[in-house]
């Protein structure tokens, strides 16, 4: 992972003898991390009442990467970056990171302001992906996107299925072909993408509904929508590189 581990706290009693807990303790020993036995009450307090399953690890904090360092990229052909604007629910952010990592996104970038921090809840929801995958943040997403356009990247926004007419082409995600380095923009819960980021999009993708929706049911959860869109884009990238 990307953190420094300081001390492992284990709930005293039967829990500490479970195979999964013993495995964690063995790993801590191998890494030179001190282990302390504590009561359930102390462990509950350390984890602020959250689910801890009998163990808690004291580690250094983890923050967004704000320096625009060009990390060594895997040779996947056409790169795909995922830009998140104002994602405030840590469960959504964690689920998005998990999907992005699994599907092969090259970089995840968040807006620096009005976004949830990289918290323990995000880490848990990501199934640990947050601990191994660097997540970037930018002060000014508009500036960054304008630069990518100059560099020849496609900027692809997203809208709901029932979106009214737009001067920017709206395309079902299954019809879109990744033909150049691409940035996929995803907006926050409720609001979606801001008008400024929408205006920088060259294409808007939508996920068509599979049935006539009842009134008031208009769209998918942002983490589910992100997973569907990423899979569709990366599938088109694979077919492009195979030909």
Protein backbone atom coordinates (compact mmCIF):
# COMPACT_ATOMS: atom_id res chain seq x y z
CA UNK A 1 0.00 0.00 0.00
CA UNK A 2 0.88 3.71 0.02
CA UNK A 3 0.70 4.27 3.77
CA UNK A 4 3.03 3.76 6.72
CA UNK A 5 1.57 1.26 9.22
CA UNK A 6 2.31 2.00 12.89
CA UNK A 7 0.33 -0.35 15.14
CA UNK A 8 -2.27 -3.10 14.78
CA UNK A 9 -5.02 -3.28 17.42
CA UNK A 10 -6.74 -6.66 17.85
CA UNK A 11 -9.84 -7.34 19.95
CA UNK A 12 -8.95 -9.64 22.83
CA UNK A 13 -10.82 -12.94 23.15
CA UNK A 14 -12.09 -15.52 20.66
CA UNK A 15 -11.97 -13.07 17.75
CA UNK A 16 -8.17 -12.93 17.90
CA UNK A 17 -8.02 -16.69 17.18
CA UNK A 18 -10.00 -16.57 13.92
CA UNK A 19 -7.96 -17.66 10.88
CA UNK A 20 -8.52 -14.34 9.12
CA UNK A 21 -7.34 -12.34 12.15
CA UNK A 22 -4.33 -14.62 12.66
CA UNK A 23 -3.38 -14.04 9.02
CA UNK A 24 -3.53 -10.26 9.54
CA UNK A 25 -1.36 -10.59 12.66
CA UNK A 26 1.16 -12.72 10.78
CA UNK A 27 1.38 -10.10 8.02
CA UNK A 28 1.87 -7.36 10.62
CA UNK A 29 4.67 -9.34 12.27
CA UNK A 30 6.44 -9.80 8.95
CA UNK A 31 6.28 -6.05 8.33
CA UNK A 32 7.51 -5.15 11.81
CA UNK A 33 4.21 -3.60 12.90
CA UNK A 34 3.52 -3.69 16.64
CA UNK A 35 0.39 -5.58 17.77
CA UNK A 36 -1.71 -4.61 20.79
CA UNK A 37 -4.63 -6.55 22.31
CA UNK A 38 -7.50 -4.27 23.31
CA UNK A 39 -11.08 -4.56 24.52
CA UNK A 40 -14.09 -4.33 22.19
CA UNK A 41 -14.99 -1.02 23.82
CA UNK A 42 -11.59 0.46 22.99
CA UNK A 43 -11.73 -0.87 19.43
CA UNK A 44 -15.23 0.57 18.93
CA UNK A 45 -13.97 3.94 20.13
CA UNK A 46 -10.94 3.85 17.82
CA UNK A 47 -13.13 3.13 14.80
CA UNK A 48 -15.76 5.73 15.78
CA UNK A 49 -18.42 3.04 16.04
CA UNK A 50 -17.76 1.69 12.55
CA UNK A 51 -17.57 -2.00 11.63
CA UNK A 52 -14.07 -3.23 12.44
CA UNK A 53 -14.38 -7.06 12.50
CA UNK A 54 -12.03 -7.25 15.47
CA UNK A 55 -9.02 -5.43 14.05
CA UNK A 56 -7.96 -1.82 13.52
CA UNK A 57 -4.71 -0.53 12.00
CA UNK A 58 -3.15 2.81 12.90
CA UNK A 59 -1.61 4.23 9.71
CA UNK A 60 -0.42 7.47 8.15
CA UNK A 61 -3.12 9.54 6.41
CA UNK A 62 -3.77 9.24 2.68
CA UNK A 63 -4.56 12.27 0.54
CA UNK A 64 -5.24 13.07 -3.08
CA UNK A 65 -2.19 13.48 -5.31
CA UNK A 66 -2.13 17.13 -6.33
CA UNK A 67 1.16 17.24 -8.24
CA UNK A 68 0.67 16.49 -11.92
CA UNK A 69 3.37 13.86 -11.99
CA UNK A 70 3.30 11.66 -15.05
CA UNK A 71 3.24 8.22 -13.49
CA UNK A 72 4.57 5.39 -15.59
CA UNK A 73 1.61 4.18 -17.61
CA UNK A 74 0.81 0.60 -18.47
CA UNK A 75 1.01 -0.14 -22.17
CA UNK A 76 -2.73 -0.44 -22.74
CA UNK A 77 -2.87 1.40 -26.05
CA UNK A 78 -5.31 4.33 -26.01
CA UNK A 79 -5.40 5.83 -22.47
CA UNK A 80 -8.63 6.50 -20.58
CA UNK A 81 -8.83 8.94 -17.68
CA UNK A 82 -11.84 9.25 -15.37
CA UNK A 83 -12.64 12.72 -14.01
CA UNK A 84 -15.02 12.99 -11.04
CA UNK A 85 -16.69 16.31 -10.27
CA UNK A 86 -18.11 16.82 -6.76
CA UNK A 87 -18.63 13.19 -5.74
CA UNK A 88 -19.59 13.63 -2.08
CA UNK A 89 -20.79 10.20 -0.98
CA UNK A 90 -17.80 8.11 0.23
CA UNK A 91 -19.61 4.86 -0.61
CA UNK A 92 -20.05 6.02 -4.21
CA UNK A 93 -16.43 7.16 -4.47
CA UNK A 94 -15.17 3.85 -3.11
CA UNK A 95 -17.33 1.84 -5.52
CA UNK A 96 -16.16 3.99 -8.45
CA UNK A 97 -12.49 3.47 -7.55
CA UNK A 98 -13.06 -0.27 -7.30
CA UNK A 99 -14.63 -0.41 -10.78
CA UNK A 100 -12.01 1.90 -12.32
CA UNK A 101 -9.15 -0.21 -11.00
CA UNK A 102 -10.72 -3.52 -12.03
CA UNK A 103 -11.63 -2.37 -15.54
CA UNK A 104 -8.24 -0.79 -16.28
CA UNK A 105 -8.69 3.00 -16.14
CA UNK A 106 -5.30 4.72 -16.46
CA UNK A 107 -5.95 7.60 -14.06
CA UNK A 108 -8.71 8.83 -11.74
CA UNK A 109 -8.92 12.57 -11.07
CA UNK A 110 -11.29 14.31 -8.66
CA UNK A 111 -12.24 17.93 -8.20
CA UNK A 112 -10.26 19.19 -5.20
CA UNK A 113 -13.17 21.09 -3.67
CA UNK A 114 -16.71 19.88 -2.83
CA UNK A 115 -15.58 16.24 -3.00
CA UNK A 116 -15.38 13.76 -0.14
CA UNK A 117 -11.90 13.07 1.30
CA UNK A 118 -10.08 9.75 0.97
CA UNK A 119 -11.49 8.39 4.22
CA UNK A 120 -11.63 4.92 5.83
CA UNK A 121 -15.20 4.61 4.52
CA UNK A 122 -13.97 5.20 0.96
CA UNK A 123 -11.20 2.65 1.47
CA UNK A 124 -13.64 0.02 2.75
CA UNK A 125 -16.13 0.67 -0.07
CA UNK A 126 -13.29 0.36 -2.59
CA UNK A 127 -12.27 -3.03 -1.11
CA UNK A 128 -8.78 -1.66 -0.56
CA UNK A 129 -8.27 -0.20 -4.05
CA UNK A 130 -7.79 3.27 -2.53
CA UNK A 131 -4.71 1.90 -0.73
CA UNK A 132 -2.91 0.84 -3.91
CA UNK A 133 -4.21 3.18 -6.62
CA UNK A 134 -3.13 6.81 -6.64
CA UNK A 135 -6.12 9.18 -6.89
CA UNK A 136 -5.37 12.63 -8.28
CA UNK A 137 -7.13 15.94 -7.60
CA UNK A 138 -7.08 19.22 -9.50
CA UNK A 139 -7.86 22.72 -8.28
CA UNK A 140 -9.14 23.68 -11.74
CA UNK A 141 -10.67 20.88 -13.79
CA UNK A 142 -11.59 23.24 -16.64
CA UNK A 143 -7.97 24.26 -17.13
CA UNK A 144 -6.82 20.65 -17.08
CA UNK A 145 -9.48 19.61 -19.63
CA UNK A 146 -8.63 22.47 -22.00
CA UNK A 147 -5.01 21.30 -21.91
CA UNK A 148 -6.04 17.72 -22.74
CA UNK A 149 -8.08 18.98 -25.73
CA UNK A 150 -5.02 20.85 -27.04
CA UNK A 151 -3.04 17.62 -26.61
CA UNK A 152 -5.54 15.78 -28.83
CA UNK A 153 -7.68 14.05 -26.21
CA UNK A 154 -11.43 13.47 -26.50
CA UNK A 155 -13.44 14.96 -23.64
CA UNK A 156 -16.59 12.93 -23.11
CA UNK A 157 -19.34 14.12 -20.78
CA UNK A 158 -22.32 12.21 -19.43
CA UNK A 159 -26.03 12.98 -19.17
CA UNK A 160 -29.20 11.17 -18.12
CA UNK A 161 -31.25 9.21 -20.65
CA UNK A 162 -34.08 11.76 -20.68
CA UNK A 163 -31.90 14.78 -21.43
CA UNK A 164 -33.45 17.52 -23.54
CA UNK A 165 -31.89 18.65 -26.82
CA UNK A 166 -28.28 19.77 -26.61
CA UNK A 167 -25.91 21.53 -29.01
CA UNK A 168 -23.38 18.83 -28.07
CA UNK A 169 -24.03 15.41 -29.69
CA UNK A 170 -25.71 12.95 -27.28
CA UNK A 171 -24.75 9.36 -28.08
CA UNK A 172 -25.78 6.02 -26.48
CA UNK A 173 -22.66 4.65 -24.79
CA UNK A 174 -22.78 1.44 -26.86
CA UNK A 175 -22.44 3.51 -30.08
CA UNK A 176 -19.34 5.42 -28.98
CA UNK A 177 -15.91 4.34 -30.23
CA UNK A 178 -12.72 5.33 -28.41
CA UNK A 179 -10.49 6.49 -31.27
CA UNK A 180 -8.13 8.76 -29.31
CA UNK A 181 -6.96 9.28 -25.71
CA UNK A 182 -10.17 9.96 -23.78
CA UNK A 183 -11.31 11.70 -20.60
CA UNK A 184 -14.67 10.53 -19.23
CA UNK A 185 -16.42 13.09 -17.01
CA UNK A 186 -18.80 12.01 -14.24
CA UNK A 187 -20.79 14.50 -12.16
CA UNK A 188 -21.81 14.34 -8.53
CA UNK A 189 -24.95 12.94 -6.95
CA UNK A 190 -28.10 14.85 -7.83
CA UNK A 191 -26.54 17.72 -9.75
CA UNK A 192 -24.56 15.84 -12.41
CA UNK A 193 -21.87 17.71 -14.34
CA UNK A 194 -21.61 21.47 -13.96
CA UNK A 195 -22.50 23.62 -17.00
CA UNK A 196 -18.81 24.59 -17.32
CA UNK A 197 -17.64 20.99 -17.70
CA UNK A 198 -20.58 20.12 -19.94
CA UNK A 199 -19.58 22.97 -22.25
CA UNK A 200 -16.07 21.53 -22.58
CA UNK A 201 -17.41 18.11 -23.63
CA UNK A 202 -17.13 17.18 -27.30
CA UNK A 203 -19.61 14.32 -26.95
CA UNK A 204 -22.19 13.44 -24.29
CA UNK A 205 -22.78 9.77 -23.49
CA UNK A 206 -26.00 8.37 -22.12
CA UNK A 207 -27.12 4.94 -20.91
CA UNK A 208 -30.46 4.09 -22.54
CA UNK A 209 -33.05 2.64 -20.18
CA UNK A 210 -34.24 -0.89 -20.91
CA UNK A 211 -37.90 -0.02 -20.29
CA UNK A 212 -40.27 2.92 -19.92
CA UNK A 213 -39.43 4.34 -16.51
CA UNK A 214 -42.01 5.25 -13.89
CA UNK A 215 -42.28 8.97 -13.05
CA UNK A 216 -39.53 10.11 -10.69
CA UNK A 217 -37.15 7.28 -11.61
CA UNK A 218 -34.82 8.96 -14.05
CA UNK A 219 -31.28 7.68 -13.70
CA UNK A 220 -28.81 5.22 -12.21
CA UNK A 221 -26.70 5.68 -9.11
CA UNK A 222 -23.47 7.47 -10.12
CA UNK A 223 -21.23 4.55 -9.17
CA UNK A 224 -23.34 2.07 -11.17
CA UNK A 225 -23.49 4.42 -14.16
CA UNK A 226 -19.72 4.93 -14.02
CA UNK A 227 -19.11 1.17 -14.08
CA UNK A 228 -21.38 0.69 -17.11
CA UNK A 229 -19.83 3.58 -19.04
CA UNK A 230 -16.25 2.53 -18.26
CA UNK A 231 -16.95 -1.02 -19.37
CA UNK A 232 -18.50 0.22 -22.61
CA UNK A 233 -15.60 2.57 -23.37
CA UNK A 234 -12.89 0.05 -22.53
CA UNK A 235 -14.66 -2.60 -24.61
CA UNK A 236 -14.54 -0.22 -27.57
CA UNK A 237 -10.85 0.45 -26.82
CA UNK A 238 -10.12 -3.29 -26.90
CA UNK A 239 -11.90 -3.76 -30.23
CA UNK A 240 -10.05 -0.74 -31.65
CA UNK A 241 -6.60 -2.05 -30.67
CA UNK A 242 -7.38 -5.55 -31.99
CA UNK A 243 -8.03 -4.28 -35.52
